[in-house]
Amino acid sequence: MAACPHCAADLPRGYGSVCPTCGYVVRIPGIVKLGLTVLAVGFAVALVWTVQADTLFALLWGLLDLLILQPLGIQPPPFALTGALKALYDFLFGTPTQPPWGGLLLIAAGLALGLAGGVVLRRAEAPASPV
């Protein structure tokens, strides 16, 4: 048997995510965790856009080249984004004239998933109807 960390009441086997005695949220539903993850990725994309994605990726490639490729003697061919991959990159990280629409959609999806998680928690907190 598990006990609620808030009121120390015994929790029944299939209690869900909310203590039936005090209403304390014991477990966070998976949809809330997914929403927070998507939201964090969206904000990370927006941050990359503000520092210019090309500059950031060039810095990362320089570090990779300096720390791994040169000591191992590997000479990879130059990397170029072409076709659909370039369009996807521009959509996700934006361009100097366009915002990062992919990042904004990730933020919106994270907010929607968080809202859905709130609905799940509200339903779990509602007292059970007598049978």
N, C-alpha and C. Protein backbone atom coordinates (compact mmCIF):
# COMPACT_ATOMS: atom_id res chain seq x y z
N MET A 1 0.83 -1.18 0.00
CA MET A 1 0.00 0.00 0.00
C MET A 1 0.88 1.24 0.00
N ALA A 2 0.49 2.19 -0.76
CA ALA A 2 1.20 3.46 -0.80
C ALA A 2 0.46 4.46 0.07
N ALA A 3 1.19 5.49 0.47
CA ALA A 3 0.58 6.54 1.30
C ALA A 3 0.74 7.88 0.59
N CYS A 4 -0.25 8.73 0.76
CA CYS A 4 -0.20 10.08 0.19
C CYS A 4 0.88 10.88 0.91
N PRO A 5 1.78 11.55 0.18
CA PRO A 5 2.82 12.33 0.86
C PRO A 5 2.29 13.60 1.53
N HIS A 6 1.06 13.99 1.20
CA HIS A 6 0.50 15.22 1.74
C HIS A 6 -0.28 14.98 3.03
N CYS A 7 -1.17 13.95 3.03
CA CYS A 7 -2.01 13.71 4.21
C CYS A 7 -1.74 12.37 4.89
N ALA A 8 -0.86 11.56 4.32
CA ALA A 8 -0.45 10.26 4.87
C ALA A 8 -1.59 9.24 4.89
N ALA A 9 -2.64 9.47 4.13
CA ALA A 9 -3.73 8.50 4.04
C ALA A 9 -3.31 7.36 3.12
N ASP A 10 -3.83 6.18 3.38
CA ASP A 10 -3.54 5.04 2.51
C ASP A 10 -4.23 5.25 1.17
N LEU A 11 -3.48 5.01 0.09
CA LEU A 11 -4.02 5.15 -1.25
C LEU A 11 -4.51 3.80 -1.74
N PRO A 12 -5.72 3.75 -2.30
CA PRO A 12 -6.19 2.49 -2.86
C PRO A 12 -5.37 2.09 -4.08
N ARG A 13 -5.52 0.86 -4.50
CA ARG A 13 -4.72 0.31 -5.58
C ARG A 13 -4.87 1.10 -6.88
N GLY A 14 -6.03 1.41 -7.33
CA GLY A 14 -6.24 2.10 -8.61
C GLY A 14 -6.61 3.55 -8.42
N TYR A 15 -5.85 4.27 -7.61
CA TYR A 15 -6.24 5.63 -7.25
C TYR A 15 -6.05 6.64 -8.37
N GLY A 16 -5.36 6.32 -9.43
CA GLY A 16 -5.12 7.28 -10.51
C GLY A 16 -3.95 8.17 -10.16
N SER A 17 -4.14 9.48 -10.24
CA SER A 17 -3.03 10.39 -9.99
C SER A 17 -3.31 11.40 -8.88
N VAL A 18 -4.50 11.34 -8.28
CA VAL A 18 -4.88 12.30 -7.24
C VAL A 18 -5.34 11.54 -6.00
N CYS A 19 -4.91 12.00 -4.84
CA CYS A 19 -5.31 11.38 -3.58
C CYS A 19 -6.82 11.58 -3.39
N PRO A 20 -7.58 10.51 -3.15
CA PRO A 20 -9.02 10.66 -2.99
C PRO A 20 -9.40 11.33 -1.67
N THR A 21 -8.49 11.38 -0.70
CA THR A 21 -8.80 11.99 0.60
C THR A 21 -8.62 13.50 0.57
N CYS A 22 -7.45 13.96 0.13
CA CYS A 22 -7.16 15.39 0.21
C CYS A 22 -7.09 16.10 -1.13
N GLY A 23 -7.05 15.35 -2.24
CA GLY A 23 -7.00 15.97 -3.57
C GLY A 23 -5.60 16.34 -4.02
N TYR A 24 -4.58 15.89 -3.31
CA TYR A 24 -3.19 16.19 -3.66
C TYR A 24 -2.81 15.41 -4.93
N VAL A 25 -2.12 16.08 -5.86
CA VAL A 25 -1.69 15.43 -7.08
C VAL A 25 -0.45 14.61 -6.76
N VAL A 26 -0.61 13.29 -6.78
CA VAL A 26 0.48 12.40 -6.41
C VAL A 26 1.34 12.07 -7.62
N ARG A 27 0.73 11.81 -8.76
CA ARG A 27 1.46 11.50 -9.97
C ARG A 27 1.03 12.45 -11.07
N ILE A 28 1.99 12.88 -11.87
CA ILE A 28 1.68 13.76 -13.00
C ILE A 28 1.35 12.88 -14.20
N PRO A 29 0.21 13.11 -14.85
CA PRO A 29 -0.14 12.29 -16.02
C PRO A 29 0.89 12.45 -17.13
N GLY A 30 1.03 11.42 -17.94
CA GLY A 30 2.00 11.41 -19.03
C GLY A 30 1.76 12.52 -20.05
N ILE A 31 0.49 12.90 -20.26
CA ILE A 31 0.20 13.93 -21.24
C ILE A 31 0.76 15.28 -20.79
N VAL A 32 0.80 15.52 -19.49
CA VAL A 32 1.38 16.76 -18.98
C VAL A 32 2.89 16.74 -19.20
N LYS A 33 3.52 15.60 -18.96
CA LYS A 33 4.96 15.49 -19.19
C LYS A 33 5.29 15.70 -20.67
N LEU A 34 4.48 15.12 -21.55
CA LEU A 34 4.67 15.29 -22.99
C LEU A 34 4.49 16.75 -23.37
N GLY A 35 3.47 17.40 -22.82
CA GLY A 35 3.24 18.82 -23.11
C GLY A 35 4.41 19.69 -22.67
N LEU A 36 4.95 19.43 -21.49
CA LEU A 36 6.09 20.21 -21.01
C LEU A 36 7.32 19.98 -21.88
N THR A 37 7.52 18.74 -22.34
CA THR A 37 8.65 18.44 -23.21
C THR A 37 8.53 19.17 -24.55
N VAL A 38 7.35 19.11 -25.16
CA VAL A 38 7.13 19.79 -26.44
C VAL A 38 7.28 21.30 -26.27
N LEU A 39 6.78 21.83 -25.17
CA LEU A 39 6.91 23.26 -24.90
C LEU A 39 8.38 23.65 -24.75
N ALA A 40 9.16 22.85 -24.04
CA ALA A 40 10.58 23.14 -23.88
C ALA A 40 11.32 23.08 -25.21
N VAL A 41 10.99 22.13 -26.06
CA VAL A 41 11.63 22.04 -27.38
C VAL A 41 11.26 23.26 -28.21
N GLY A 42 10.01 23.69 -28.15
CA GLY A 42 9.60 24.89 -28.88
C GLY A 42 10.36 26.13 -28.43
N PHE A 43 10.53 26.29 -27.13
CA PHE A 43 11.29 27.44 -26.64
C PHE A 43 12.77 27.32 -27.00
N ALA A 44 13.30 26.10 -27.05
CA ALA A 44 14.69 25.90 -27.47
C ALA A 44 14.87 26.32 -28.93
N VAL A 45 13.90 25.98 -29.77
CA VAL A 45 13.96 26.39 -31.18
C VAL A 45 13.89 27.90 -31.28
N ALA A 46 13.02 28.52 -30.50
CA ALA A 46 12.92 29.98 -30.52
C ALA A 46 14.23 30.62 -30.05
N LEU A 47 14.88 30.02 -29.06
CA LEU A 47 16.18 30.53 -28.59
C LEU A 47 17.24 30.40 -29.67
N VAL A 48 17.24 29.27 -30.37
CA VAL A 48 18.20 29.08 -31.47
C VAL A 48 17.96 30.13 -32.54
N TRP A 49 16.71 30.46 -32.81
CA TRP A 49 16.41 31.48 -33.83
C TRP A 49 16.96 32.85 -33.41
N THR A 50 16.88 33.15 -32.11
CA THR A 50 17.34 34.47 -31.67
C THR A 50 18.86 34.61 -31.76
N VAL A 51 19.59 33.52 -31.63
CA VAL A 51 21.05 33.59 -31.72
C VAL A 51 21.55 33.20 -33.10
N GLN A 52 20.65 33.10 -34.07
CA GLN A 52 20.96 32.74 -35.45
C GLN A 52 21.45 31.31 -35.52
N ALA A 53 20.60 30.45 -36.02
CA ALA A 53 20.87 29.01 -36.09
C ALA A 53 22.14 28.71 -36.87
N ASP A 54 22.40 29.44 -37.96
CA ASP A 54 23.59 29.17 -38.76
C ASP A 54 24.85 29.39 -37.94
N THR A 55 24.87 30.45 -37.16
CA THR A 55 26.04 30.75 -36.31
C THR A 55 26.22 29.68 -35.25
N LEU A 56 25.12 29.27 -34.62
CA LEU A 56 25.19 28.26 -33.57
C LEU A 56 25.67 26.92 -34.12
N PHE A 57 25.12 26.49 -35.26
CA PHE A 57 25.53 25.21 -35.83
C PHE A 57 26.95 25.26 -36.37
N ALA A 58 27.39 26.41 -36.87
CA ALA A 58 28.79 26.54 -37.30
C ALA A 58 29.72 26.42 -36.09
N LEU A 59 29.33 26.99 -34.96
CA LEU A 59 30.13 26.86 -33.74
C LEU A 59 30.19 25.40 -33.28
N LEU A 60 29.06 24.71 -33.29
CA LEU A 60 29.03 23.31 -32.90
C LEU A 60 29.87 22.45 -33.84
N TRP A 61 29.79 22.74 -35.17
CA TRP A 61 30.59 21.99 -36.12
C TRP A 61 32.08 22.25 -35.90
N GLY A 62 32.43 23.49 -35.57
CA GLY A 62 33.83 23.80 -35.28
C GLY A 62 34.34 23.04 -34.07
N LEU A 63 33.52 22.96 -33.01
CA LEU A 63 33.92 22.20 -31.82
C LEU A 63 34.04 20.71 -32.13
N LEU A 64 33.10 20.17 -32.89
CA LEU A 64 33.16 18.76 -33.28
C LEU A 64 34.42 18.48 -34.10
N ASP A 65 34.72 19.38 -35.02
CA ASP A 65 35.91 19.23 -35.86
C ASP A 65 37.18 19.29 -35.02
N LEU A 66 37.22 20.24 -34.10
CA LEU A 66 38.42 20.43 -33.28
C LEU A 66 38.63 19.28 -32.28
N LEU A 67 37.56 18.80 -31.65
CA LEU A 67 37.69 17.81 -30.58
C LEU A 67 37.69 16.36 -31.05
N ILE A 68 37.03 16.07 -32.18
CA ILE A 68 36.89 14.67 -32.59
C ILE A 68 37.51 14.39 -33.95
N LEU A 69 37.15 15.18 -34.95
CA LEU A 69 37.56 14.85 -36.31
C LEU A 69 39.06 15.02 -36.56
N GLN A 70 39.63 16.15 -36.15
CA GLN A 70 41.06 16.37 -36.37
C GLN A 70 41.94 15.37 -35.61
N PRO A 71 41.67 15.09 -34.31
CA PRO A 71 42.51 14.10 -33.63
C PRO A 71 42.43 12.70 -34.24
N LEU A 72 41.27 12.34 -34.81
CA LEU A 72 41.13 11.02 -35.42
C LEU A 72 41.57 11.00 -36.88
N GLY A 73 41.85 12.16 -37.45
CA GLY A 73 42.28 12.23 -38.84
C GLY A 73 41.17 12.00 -39.84
N ILE A 74 39.94 12.27 -39.47
CA ILE A 74 38.79 12.07 -40.36
C ILE A 74 38.59 13.35 -41.18
N GLN A 75 38.39 13.19 -42.47
CA GLN A 75 38.14 14.32 -43.36
C GLN A 75 36.78 14.17 -44.03
N PRO A 76 35.70 14.56 -43.36
CA PRO A 76 34.37 14.41 -43.98
C PRO A 76 34.19 15.44 -45.09
N PRO A 77 33.34 15.13 -46.07
CA PRO A 77 33.07 16.12 -47.12
C PRO A 77 32.29 17.29 -46.54
N PRO A 78 32.34 18.44 -47.19
CA PRO A 78 31.57 19.59 -46.68
C PRO A 78 30.07 19.26 -46.67
N PHE A 79 29.40 19.78 -45.67
CA PHE A 79 27.97 19.51 -45.49
C PHE A 79 27.17 20.66 -46.08
N ALA A 80 26.14 20.34 -46.84
CA ALA A 80 25.28 21.36 -47.42
C ALA A 80 23.83 20.91 -47.30
N LEU A 81 22.98 21.81 -46.89
CA LEU A 81 21.55 21.52 -46.85
C LEU A 81 20.97 21.77 -48.23
N THR A 82 20.23 20.82 -48.76
CA THR A 82 19.67 20.99 -50.10
C THR A 82 18.21 20.58 -50.11
N GLY A 83 17.49 21.13 -51.02
CA GLY A 83 16.12 20.73 -51.31
C GLY A 83 15.17 20.79 -50.12
N ALA A 84 14.49 19.67 -49.89
CA ALA A 84 13.47 19.60 -48.85
C ALA A 84 14.06 19.78 -47.46
N LEU A 85 15.30 19.32 -47.26
CA LEU A 85 15.95 19.47 -45.95
C LEU A 85 16.17 20.95 -45.63
N LYS A 86 16.54 21.74 -46.63
CA LYS A 86 16.72 23.19 -46.42
C LYS A 86 15.38 23.85 -46.11
N ALA A 87 14.32 23.44 -46.80
CA ALA A 87 12.99 24.00 -46.52
C ALA A 87 12.54 23.65 -45.11
N LEU A 88 12.79 22.40 -44.68
CA LEU A 88 12.44 21.99 -43.32
C LEU A 88 13.24 22.77 -42.29
N TYR A 89 14.53 22.95 -42.55
CA TYR A 89 15.40 23.72 -41.65
C TYR A 89 14.89 25.16 -41.52
N ASP A 90 14.56 25.79 -42.66
CA ASP A 90 14.05 27.16 -42.63
C ASP A 90 12.71 27.24 -41.91
N PHE A 91 11.85 26.24 -42.09
CA PHE A 91 10.55 26.23 -41.41
C PHE A 91 10.73 26.09 -39.90
N LEU A 92 11.62 25.19 -39.48
CA LEU A 92 11.79 24.93 -38.06
C LEU A 92 12.55 26.06 -37.36
N PHE A 93 13.68 26.47 -37.91
CA PHE A 93 14.54 27.45 -37.25
C PHE A 93 14.38 28.88 -37.77
N GLY A 94 13.61 29.07 -38.82
CA GLY A 94 13.37 30.41 -39.35
C GLY A 94 14.53 30.93 -40.18
N THR A 95 14.32 32.07 -40.77
CA THR A 95 15.34 32.77 -41.55
C THR A 95 15.46 34.17 -40.97
N PRO A 96 16.42 34.96 -41.44
CA PRO A 96 16.51 36.34 -40.91
C PRO A 96 15.25 37.17 -41.15
N THR A 97 14.45 36.79 -42.15
CA THR A 97 13.25 37.57 -42.44
C THR A 97 11.96 36.88 -41.97
N GLN A 98 12.01 35.59 -41.67
CA GLN A 98 10.82 34.84 -41.25
C GLN A 98 11.02 34.28 -39.85
N PRO A 99 9.97 34.25 -39.03
CA PRO A 99 10.08 33.65 -37.70
C PRO A 99 10.15 32.13 -37.80
N PRO A 100 10.54 31.47 -36.70
CA PRO A 100 10.61 30.00 -36.72
C PRO A 100 9.22 29.40 -36.53
N TRP A 101 8.50 29.21 -37.64
CA TRP A 101 7.13 28.72 -37.55
C TRP A 101 7.06 27.36 -36.90
N GLY A 102 8.03 26.50 -37.15
CA GLY A 102 8.04 25.18 -36.52
C GLY A 102 8.14 25.29 -35.01
N GLY A 103 8.99 26.18 -34.52
CA GLY A 103 9.13 26.38 -33.08
C GLY A 103 7.85 26.94 -32.47
N LEU A 104 7.22 27.87 -33.19
CA LEU A 104 5.96 28.43 -32.69
C LEU A 104 4.86 27.37 -32.64
N LEU A 105 4.84 26.47 -33.64
CA LEU A 105 3.86 25.38 -33.61
C LEU A 105 4.16 24.41 -32.46
N LEU A 106 5.43 24.17 -32.16
CA LEU A 106 5.78 23.32 -31.03
C LEU A 106 5.32 23.94 -29.71
N ILE A 107 5.48 25.26 -29.57
CA ILE A 107 5.03 25.95 -28.37
C ILE A 107 3.50 25.83 -28.24
N ALA A 108 2.80 26.04 -29.34
CA ALA A 108 1.33 25.93 -29.31
C ALA A 108 0.90 24.50 -28.98
N ALA A 109 1.58 23.51 -29.54
CA ALA A 109 1.25 22.11 -29.24
C ALA A 109 1.53 21.80 -27.77
N GLY A 110 2.62 22.33 -27.23
CA GLY A 110 2.92 22.12 -25.81
C GLY A 110 1.86 22.72 -24.91
N LEU A 111 1.38 23.91 -25.27
CA LEU A 111 0.31 24.53 -24.48
C LEU A 111 -0.98 23.72 -24.57
N ALA A 112 -1.30 23.22 -25.77
CA ALA A 112 -2.52 22.42 -25.94
C ALA A 112 -2.42 21.11 -25.15
N LEU A 113 -1.27 20.46 -25.18
CA LEU A 113 -1.11 19.22 -24.42
C LEU A 113 -1.15 19.49 -22.92
N GLY A 114 -0.59 20.62 -22.48
CA GLY A 114 -0.68 20.98 -21.07
C GLY A 114 -2.12 21.23 -20.65
N LEU A 115 -2.90 21.86 -21.52
CA LEU A 115 -4.32 22.08 -21.24
C LEU A 115 -5.06 20.75 -21.15
N ALA A 116 -4.74 19.84 -22.06
CA ALA A 116 -5.38 18.52 -22.01
C ALA A 116 -4.99 17.79 -20.72
N GLY A 117 -3.76 17.95 -20.28
CA GLY A 117 -3.35 17.35 -19.01
C GLY A 117 -4.09 17.96 -17.84
N GLY A 118 -4.36 19.26 -17.90
CA GLY A 118 -5.15 19.90 -16.85
C GLY A 118 -6.56 19.34 -16.78
N VAL A 119 -7.13 19.06 -17.95
CA VAL A 119 -8.46 18.45 -17.98
C VAL A 119 -8.42 17.07 -17.35
N VAL A 120 -7.36 16.30 -17.66
CA VAL A 120 -7.21 14.96 -17.08
C VAL A 120 -7.13 15.06 -15.55
N LEU A 121 -6.35 16.02 -15.05
CA LEU A 121 -6.24 16.19 -13.60
C LEU A 121 -7.55 16.63 -12.98
N ARG A 122 -8.27 17.53 -13.63
CA ARG A 122 -9.56 17.99 -13.10
C ARG A 122 -10.55 16.83 -12.97
N ARG A 123 -10.55 15.97 -13.99
CA ARG A 123 -11.45 14.82 -13.93
C ARG A 123 -11.05 13.88 -12.81
N ALA A 124 -9.75 13.74 -12.59
CA ALA A 124 -9.28 12.84 -11.54
C ALA A 124 -9.57 13.43 -10.15
N GLU A 125 -9.56 14.75 -10.03
CA GLU A 125 -9.82 15.39 -8.75
C GLU A 125 -11.30 15.41 -8.39
N ALA A 126 -12.16 15.32 -9.38
CA ALA A 126 -13.61 15.37 -9.12
C ALA A 126 -14.00 14.18 -8.24
N PRO A 127 -14.82 14.44 -7.24
CA PRO A 127 -15.24 13.32 -6.38
C PRO A 127 -16.07 12.32 -7.17
N ALA A 128 -15.87 11.07 -6.83
CA ALA A 128 -16.61 10.00 -7.52
C ALA A 128 -18.08 10.08 -7.15
N SER A 129 -18.93 9.84 -8.14
CA SER A 129 -20.37 9.88 -7.85
C SER A 129 -20.77 8.60 -7.14
N PRO A 130 -21.67 8.74 -6.17
CA PRO A 130 -22.10 7.54 -5.41
C PRO A 130 -22.84 6.57 -6.32
N VAL A 131 -22.58 5.30 -6.09
CA VAL A 131 -23.21 4.27 -6.92
C VAL A 131 -24.37 3.66 -6.20
